[in-house]
Structures are given as C-alpha cells and as structure tokens.
Amino acid sequence: MDTEALTAWIREFARLIALNKAELTELDSAIGDGDHGANMDRGLQAVVAVLDAEPQETPSALFKKVGMTLISKVGGASGPLYGTAFLRMAAAAGEQADLAKVLRAGLDGVVARGKAGLGDKTMVDALSPAVDVLEAGGTMRAAADAAGRGRDATIPLIARKGRASYLGERSAGHADPGATSVTLLLTAAATTLGDAG
C-alpha cells in the first residue's frame, strides 16, 4: 500500500465520520457522554487539515501524524484509543504497509490501552473480526462486512468497559459508538483501497 492510497483512506474515513456524526452522537448519548460524533469529527477534520498542509512521505509517517493529531484533538476515550491504534500502526507499517499486519498492530494497541476484549461492547468487537478476515486472506470488503457484523453484535450486549459500563443492563439495545466508528474506518478502507492487502 502506498502513502497516497493510505492518505485517501484517511480522507474517506474523515468524510464518513462527518456524514455519520449525528448517528454517532445519538448512539453515544444513549450509553456514553454523547460526544463521540463531535469528538471524532473534530479530530479527523484536524487530521485532514494537517495532511493538506504537510503531505506525508511514508505509510509510517502518515499513521504517526494521524495518531498524534487524534490524541491532541479528540477528547474522551476515543482520542487515546484511536491515537494509540494509529501510532501502533505506524510502528508496524514501515515503507510499504501490509494492511493485515498494520491493523493487527492497531488492534493490539487498542486492547492494551483500553483493557477490552471481544464481547465487552467496545471498538474491539468490530476491529477484531475485521483483522481476522484480513489475516485469513480475505478482502478489505469482507473485512468491512465483518466489522459491521461485529458492530451489530454489540447491540444486545451489556457494556463491561468505559462509561457505558456504568449503565449495566441499560446499555443493552444500542450499538457501541466505537464499534460503529471502526466500521466506518473499515468501510472507508474498502472504498479507497479495494481488495489490496
């Protein structure tokens, strides 16, 4: 994967977050602080502005810039979690990013930072099955579909991590906002990167 293609992915992710900001806010209002949509949109608009001003030369530099910008601009849990994911992706990317390897590193970073696993009703529930598909040789579209199924699987779950966990059984019945934004990340990848691995 070259840097130009990966930059297009990040730009498409920013576009999808902006389009879905209200839905993310609604989901987060039901089980969190109600700021996931606004925070992610603010962070990704900042990312796009930085990339406009400073095009990055390598996949590693691109992911590092995205991660650092998200950490500095996104509030709540999302900034540190997404920021950590992209910083770990930067470390794994090198000059030519292998997406399965890069996204596995991002997932490992999220798990280490958030101490969450499958079934905890977090972004891990969407990211983990997507990475599994890529590592098994599946396409990016199949990975995005797996993320969507993971997101949908969070609806009946009772949250065990983050602010949503304070609600106990009342957290059931809503898709996790983080799993929803991760699905947008993978959808953006499927749109811009096609079946590249």
C-alpha atoms as a PDB file:
ATOM      1  CA  MET A   1       0.000   0.000   0.000  1.00  0.00           C
ATOM      2  CA  ASP A   2       1.479   3.327  -0.974  1.00  0.00           C
ATOM      3  CA  THR A   3       1.168   6.503   1.051  1.00  0.00           C
ATOM      4  CA  GLU A   4      -1.108   8.203  -1.464  1.00  0.00           C
ATOM      5  CA  ALA A   5      -3.665   5.394  -1.278  1.00  0.00           C
ATOM      6  CA  LEU A   6      -3.498   5.301   2.520  1.00  0.00           C
ATOM      7  CA  THR A   7      -3.970   9.077   2.671  1.00  0.00           C
ATOM      8  CA  ALA A   8      -7.087   8.688   0.519  1.00  0.00           C
ATOM      9  CA  TRP A   9      -8.323   6.114   3.061  1.00  0.00           C
ATOM     10  CA  ILE A  10      -7.901   8.551   5.960  1.00  0.00           C
ATOM     11  CA  ARG A  11      -9.665  11.302   3.998  1.00  0.00           C
ATOM     12  CA  GLU A  12     -12.578   8.985   3.242  1.00  0.00           C
ATOM     13  CA  PHE A  13     -12.767   7.993   6.917  1.00  0.00           C
ATOM     14  CA  ALA A  14     -12.996  11.689   7.807  1.00  0.00           C
ATOM     15  CA  ARG A  15     -15.766  12.143   5.240  1.00  0.00           C
ATOM     16  CA  LEU A  16     -17.772   9.193   6.581  1.00  0.00           C
ATOM     17  CA  ILE A  17     -17.388  10.371  10.184  1.00  0.00           C
ATOM     18  CA  ALA A  18     -18.701  13.808   9.175  1.00  0.00           C
ATOM     19  CA  LEU A  19     -21.649  12.212   7.361  1.00  0.00           C
ATOM     20  CA  ASN A  20     -22.473   9.967  10.323  1.00  0.00           C
ATOM     21  CA  LYS A  21     -21.670  12.433  13.131  1.00  0.00           C
ATOM     22  CA  ALA A  22     -25.311  12.708  14.217  1.00  0.00           C
ATOM     23  CA  GLU A  23     -25.757   8.925  14.401  1.00  0.00           C
ATOM     24  CA  LEU A  24     -22.559   8.507  16.415  1.00  0.00           C
ATOM     25  CA  THR A  25     -23.687  11.258  18.774  1.00  0.00           C
ATOM     26  CA  GLU A  26     -27.099   9.629  19.159  1.00  0.00           C
ATOM     27  CA  LEU A  27     -25.548   6.254  19.967  1.00  0.00           C
ATOM     28  CA  ASP A  28     -23.153   7.825  22.450  1.00  0.00           C
ATOM     29  CA  SER A  29     -25.939   9.859  24.028  1.00  0.00           C
ATOM     30  CA  ALA A  30     -27.747   6.597  24.804  1.00  0.00           C
ATOM     31  CA  ILE A  31     -24.818   4.866  26.527  1.00  0.00           C
ATOM     32  CA  GLY A  32     -21.969   7.358  26.918  1.00  0.00           C
ATOM     33  CA  ASP A  33     -21.128  11.049  27.086  1.00  0.00           C
ATOM     34  CA  GLY A  34     -22.868  11.929  23.830  1.00  0.00           C
ATOM     35  CA  ASP A  35     -19.690  13.362  22.334  1.00  0.00           C
ATOM     36  CA  HIS A  36     -18.251  10.566  20.173  1.00  0.00           C
ATOM     37  CA  GLY A  37     -19.544  12.002  16.902  1.00  0.00           C
ATOM     38  CA  ALA A  38     -18.421  15.560  17.605  1.00  0.00           C
ATOM     39  CA  ASN A  39     -15.052  14.475  19.004  1.00  0.00           C
ATOM     40  CA  MET A  40     -14.226  12.160  16.108  1.00  0.00           C
ATOM     41  CA  ASP A  41     -15.363  14.715  13.546  1.00  0.00           C
ATOM     42  CA  ARG A  42     -13.262  17.457  15.142  1.00  0.00           C
ATOM     43  CA  GLY A  43     -10.234  15.184  15.298  1.00  0.00           C
ATOM     44  CA  LEU A  44     -10.491  13.978  11.726  1.00  0.00           C
ATOM     45  CA  GLN A  45     -11.080  17.452  10.328  1.00  0.00           C
ATOM     46  CA  ALA A  46      -7.853  18.411  12.102  1.00  0.00           C
ATOM     47  CA  VAL A  47      -6.138  15.379  10.553  1.00  0.00           C
ATOM     48  CA  VAL A  48      -7.278  16.394   7.049  1.00  0.00           C
ATOM     49  CA  ALA A  49      -6.045  19.962   7.621  1.00  0.00           C
ATOM     50  CA  VAL A  50      -2.637  18.662   8.735  1.00  0.00           C
ATOM     51  CA  LEU A  51      -2.379  16.339   5.731  1.00  0.00           C
ATOM     52  CA  ASP A  52      -3.325  19.206   3.408  1.00  0.00           C
ATOM     53  CA  ALA A  53      -0.524  21.302   4.889  1.00  0.00           C
ATOM     54  CA  GLU A  54       2.036  18.524   5.314  1.00  0.00           C
ATOM     55  CA  PRO A  55       1.663  15.574   2.917  1.00  0.00           C
ATOM     56  CA  GLN A  56       3.422  12.561   4.427  1.00  0.00           C
ATOM     57  CA  GLU A  57       6.110  10.600   2.576  1.00  0.00           C
ATOM     58  CA  THR A  58       5.709   7.096   4.012  1.00  0.00           C
ATOM     59  CA  PRO A  59       2.883   4.973   5.461  1.00  0.00           C
ATOM     60  CA  SER A  60       4.628   5.034   8.831  1.00  0.00           C
ATOM     61  CA  ALA A  61       4.892   8.835   8.852  1.00  0.00           C
ATOM     62  CA  LEU A  62       1.259   9.139   7.772  1.00  0.00           C
ATOM     63  CA  PHE A  63      -0.080   6.908  10.535  1.00  0.00           C
ATOM     64  CA  LYS A  64       2.124   8.610  13.131  1.00  0.00           C
ATOM     65  CA  LYS A  65       0.827  12.038  12.093  1.00  0.00           C
ATOM     66  CA  VAL A  66      -2.777  10.808  12.232  1.00  0.00           C
ATOM     67  CA  GLY A  67      -2.254   9.253  15.659  1.00  0.00           C
ATOM     68  CA  MET A  68      -0.568  12.299  17.182  1.00  0.00           C
ATOM     69  CA  THR A  69      -3.232  14.630  15.787  1.00  0.00           C
ATOM     70  CA  LEU A  70      -6.081  12.495  17.131  1.00  0.00           C
ATOM     71  CA  ILE A  71      -4.503  12.319  20.587  1.00  0.00           C
ATOM     72  CA  SER A  72      -4.150  16.104  20.694  1.00  0.00           C
ATOM     73  CA  LYS A  73      -7.575  16.974  19.243  1.00  0.00           C
ATOM     74  CA  VAL A  74     -10.050  14.275  20.314  1.00  0.00           C
ATOM     75  CA  GLY A  75     -11.481  14.261  23.812  1.00  0.00           C
ATOM     76  CA  GLY A  76     -12.941  11.400  25.812  1.00  0.00           C
ATOM     77  CA  ALA A  77     -11.707   7.837  25.397  1.00  0.00           C
ATOM     78  CA  SER A  78     -11.704   7.985  21.609  1.00  0.00           C
ATOM     79  CA  GLY A  79      -8.615  10.170  21.219  1.00  0.00           C
ATOM     80  CA  PRO A  80      -6.245   7.971  23.234  1.00  0.00           C
ATOM     81  CA  LEU A  81      -7.683   4.750  21.773  1.00  0.00           C
ATOM     82  CA  TYR A  82      -7.658   5.784  18.122  1.00  0.00           C
ATOM     83  CA  GLY A  83      -4.383   7.638  18.637  1.00  0.00           C
ATOM     84  CA  THR A  84      -2.766   4.547  20.133  1.00  0.00           C
ATOM     85  CA  ALA A  85      -4.120   2.421  17.289  1.00  0.00           C
ATOM     86  CA  PHE A  86      -2.587   4.682  14.638  1.00  0.00           C
ATOM     87  CA  LEU A  87       0.734   5.008  16.493  1.00  0.00           C
ATOM     88  CA  ARG A  88       0.990   1.213  16.705  1.00  0.00           C
ATOM     89  CA  MET A  89       0.039   1.040  13.019  1.00  0.00           C
ATOM     90  CA  ALA A  90       2.861   3.491  12.279  1.00  0.00           C
ATOM     91  CA  ALA A  91       5.375   1.273  14.047  1.00  0.00           C
ATOM     92  CA  ALA A  92       4.218  -1.745  12.034  1.00  0.00           C
ATOM     93  CA  ALA A  93       3.898  -0.020   8.661  1.00  0.00           C
ATOM     94  CA  GLY A  94       7.438   0.716   7.566  1.00  0.00           C
ATOM     95  CA  GLU A  95       7.785   1.887   3.966  1.00  0.00           C
ATOM     96  CA  GLN A  96       5.140  -0.392   2.443  1.00  0.00           C
ATOM     97  CA  ALA A  97       2.177  -1.122   4.678  1.00  0.00           C
ATOM     98  CA  ASP A  98       0.779  -4.648   4.854  1.00  0.00           C
ATOM     99  CA  LEU A  99      -2.780  -3.945   5.964  1.00  0.00           C
ATOM    100  CA  ALA A 100      -3.388  -7.151   7.899  1.00  0.00           C
ATOM    101  CA  LYS A 101      -0.164  -6.638   9.859  1.00  0.00           C
ATOM    102  CA  VAL A 102      -0.792  -2.912  10.351  1.00  0.00           C
ATOM    103  CA  LEU A 103      -4.367  -3.328  11.561  1.00  0.00           C
ATOM    104  CA  ARG A 104      -3.351  -6.195  13.869  1.00  0.00           C
ATOM    105  CA  ALA A 105      -0.833  -3.834  15.478  1.00  0.00           C
ATOM    106  CA  GLY A 106      -3.564  -1.195  15.810  1.00  0.00           C
ATOM    107  CA  LEU A 107      -5.934  -3.699  17.404  1.00  0.00           C
ATOM    108  CA  ASP A 108      -3.257  -4.855  19.840  1.00  0.00           C
ATOM    109  CA  GLY A 109      -2.689  -1.230  20.810  1.00  0.00           C
ATOM    110  CA  VAL A 110      -6.386  -0.660  21.474  1.00  0.00           C
ATOM    111  CA  VAL A 111      -6.623  -3.834  23.570  1.00  0.00           C
ATOM    112  CA  ALA A 112      -3.544  -2.864  25.586  1.00  0.00           C
ATOM    113  CA  ARG A 113      -4.730   0.709  26.130  1.00  0.00           C
ATOM    114  CA  GLY A 114      -8.405   0.004  26.822  1.00  0.00           C
ATOM    115  CA  LYS A 115      -8.022  -3.399  28.509  1.00  0.00           C
ATOM    116  CA  ALA A 116     -11.049  -4.578  26.488  1.00  0.00           C
ATOM    117  CA  GLY A 117     -11.718  -7.871  24.766  1.00  0.00           C
ATOM    118  CA  LEU A 118     -14.338  -9.350  22.499  1.00  0.00           C
ATOM    119  CA  GLY A 119     -17.810  -9.082  23.984  1.00  0.00           C
ATOM    120  CA  ASP A 120     -17.041  -6.046  26.158  1.00  0.00           C
ATOM    121  CA  LYS A 121     -19.110  -3.810  23.831  1.00  0.00           C
ATOM    122  CA  THR A 122     -16.263  -1.661  22.513  1.00  0.00           C
ATOM    123  CA  MET A 123     -14.483  -0.873  19.240  1.00  0.00           C
ATOM    124  CA  VAL A 124     -12.628  -4.191  19.670  1.00  0.00           C
ATOM    125  CA  ASP A 125     -15.847  -6.020  18.757  1.00  0.00           C
ATOM    126  CA  ALA A 126     -15.709  -4.538  15.244  1.00  0.00           C
ATOM    127  CA  LEU A 127     -11.952  -4.325  14.733  1.00  0.00           C
ATOM    128  CA  SER A 128     -11.026  -7.837  15.855  1.00  0.00           C
ATOM    129  CA  PRO A 129     -13.205  -9.779  13.365  1.00  0.00           C
ATOM    130  CA  ALA A 130     -12.098  -7.464  10.546  1.00  0.00           C
ATOM    131  CA  VAL A 131      -8.433  -8.175  11.300  1.00  0.00           C
ATOM    132  CA  ASP A 132      -9.164 -11.912  11.479  1.00  0.00           C
ATOM    133  CA  VAL A 133     -10.652 -11.782   7.964  1.00  0.00           C
ATOM    134  CA  LEU A 134      -7.623  -9.937   6.550  1.00  0.00           C
ATOM    135  CA  GLU A 135      -5.175 -12.318   8.207  1.00  0.00           C
ATOM    136  CA  ALA A 136      -7.066 -15.249   6.688  1.00  0.00           C
ATOM    137  CA  GLY A 137      -6.554 -13.727   3.231  1.00  0.00           C
ATOM    138  CA  GLY A 138      -9.958 -12.096   2.909  1.00  0.00           C
ATOM    139  CA  THR A 139     -10.613  -8.877   1.030  1.00  0.00           C
ATOM    140  CA  MET A 140     -10.982  -5.453   2.578  1.00  0.00           C
ATOM    141  CA  ARG A 141     -14.683  -5.528   1.641  1.00  0.00           C
ATOM    142  CA  ALA A 142     -15.060  -8.811   3.547  1.00  0.00           C
ATOM    143  CA  ALA A 143     -13.206  -7.252   6.483  1.00  0.00           C
ATOM    144  CA  ALA A 144     -15.566  -4.253   6.449  1.00  0.00           C
ATOM    145  CA  ASP A 145     -18.542  -6.620   6.390  1.00  0.00           C
ATOM    146  CA  ALA A 146     -17.081  -8.493   9.369  1.00  0.00           C
ATOM    147  CA  ALA A 147     -16.670  -5.191  11.228  1.00  0.00           C
ATOM    148  CA  GLY A 148     -20.326  -4.414  10.530  1.00  0.00           C
ATOM    149  CA  ARG A 149     -21.409  -7.757  11.921  1.00  0.00           C
ATOM    150  CA  GLY A 150     -19.238  -7.135  14.975  1.00  0.00           C
ATOM    151  CA  ARG A 151     -20.855  -3.717  15.446  1.00  0.00           C
ATOM    152  CA  ASP A 152     -24.327  -5.240  15.175  1.00  0.00           C
ATOM    153  CA  ALA A 153     -23.365  -7.935  17.676  1.00  0.00           C
ATOM    154  CA  THR A 154     -22.742  -5.209  20.283  1.00  0.00           C
ATOM    155  CA  ILE A 155     -26.428  -4.189  20.293  1.00  0.00           C
ATOM    156  CA  PRO A 156     -27.676  -6.827  22.783  1.00  0.00           C
ATOM    157  CA  LEU A 157     -24.500  -6.771  24.881  1.00  0.00           C
ATOM    158  CA  ILE A 158     -24.155  -5.263  28.331  1.00  0.00           C
ATOM    159  CA  ALA A 159     -21.120  -2.978  28.325  1.00  0.00           C
ATOM    160  CA  ARG A 160     -18.224  -4.073  30.506  1.00  0.00           C
ATOM    161  CA  LYS A 161     -15.805  -1.215  29.766  1.00  0.00           C
ATOM    162  CA  GLY A 162     -15.910   2.573  29.660  1.00  0.00           C
ATOM    163  CA  ARG A 163     -18.686   4.927  30.642  1.00  0.00           C
ATOM    164  CA  ALA A 164     -21.341   2.663  29.130  1.00  0.00           C
ATOM    165  CA  SER A 165     -20.491   0.010  31.731  1.00  0.00           C
ATOM    166  CA  TYR A 166     -21.928   2.289  34.448  1.00  0.00           C
ATOM    167  CA  LEU A 167     -25.372   1.744  32.919  1.00  0.00           C
ATOM    168  CA  GLY A 168     -25.312  -2.008  33.446  1.00  0.00           C
ATOM    169  CA  GLU A 169     -28.249  -3.694  31.725  1.00  0.00           C
ATOM    170  CA  ARG A 170     -29.490  -0.363  30.363  1.00  0.00           C
ATOM    171  CA  SER A 171     -26.517  -0.357  27.977  1.00  0.00           C
ATOM    172  CA  ALA A 172     -28.095  -3.254  26.064  1.00  0.00           C
ATOM    173  CA  GLY A 173     -30.173  -2.426  22.999  1.00  0.00           C
ATOM    174  CA  HIS A 174     -27.742   0.072  21.448  1.00  0.00           C
ATOM    175  CA  ALA A 175     -24.807  -0.430  19.084  1.00  0.00           C
ATOM    176  CA  ASP A 176     -21.492   0.637  20.575  1.00  0.00           C
ATOM    177  CA  PRO A 177     -20.401   4.023  19.171  1.00  0.00           C
ATOM    178  CA  GLY A 178     -16.744   2.981  18.978  1.00  0.00           C
ATOM    179  CA  ALA A 179     -17.602  -0.222  17.109  1.00  0.00           C
ATOM    180  CA  THR A 180     -19.714   1.922  14.785  1.00  0.00           C
ATOM    181  CA  SER A 181     -16.888   4.348  14.010  1.00  0.00           C
ATOM    182  CA  VAL A 182     -14.460   1.438  13.482  1.00  0.00           C
ATOM    183  CA  THR A 183     -16.897   0.032  10.925  1.00  0.00           C
ATOM    184  CA  LEU A 184     -16.719   3.385   9.120  1.00  0.00           C
ATOM    185  CA  LEU A 185     -12.907   3.125   9.196  1.00  0.00           C
ATOM    186  CA  LEU A 186     -13.034  -0.297   7.524  1.00  0.00           C
ATOM    187  CA  THR A 187     -15.738   0.805   5.098  1.00  0.00           C
ATOM    188  CA  ALA A 188     -13.533   3.705   4.056  1.00  0.00           C
ATOM    189  CA  ALA A 189     -10.671   1.258   3.516  1.00  0.00           C
ATOM    190  CA  ALA A 190     -12.839  -0.986   1.351  1.00  0.00           C
ATOM    191  CA  THR A 191     -13.887   2.020  -0.752  1.00  0.00           C
ATOM    192  CA  THR A 192     -10.431   3.505  -1.269  1.00  0.00           C
ATOM    193  CA  LEU A 193      -8.070   0.517  -1.075  1.00  0.00           C
ATOM    194  CA  GLY A 194     -10.253  -2.078  -2.785  1.00  0.00           C
ATOM    195  CA  ASP A 195      -9.031  -5.617  -2.368  1.00  0.00           C
ATOM    196  CA  ALA A 196      -5.441  -4.695  -1.713  1.00  0.00           C
ATOM    197  CA  GLY A 197      -3.877  -6.412   1.247  1.00  0.00           C
END
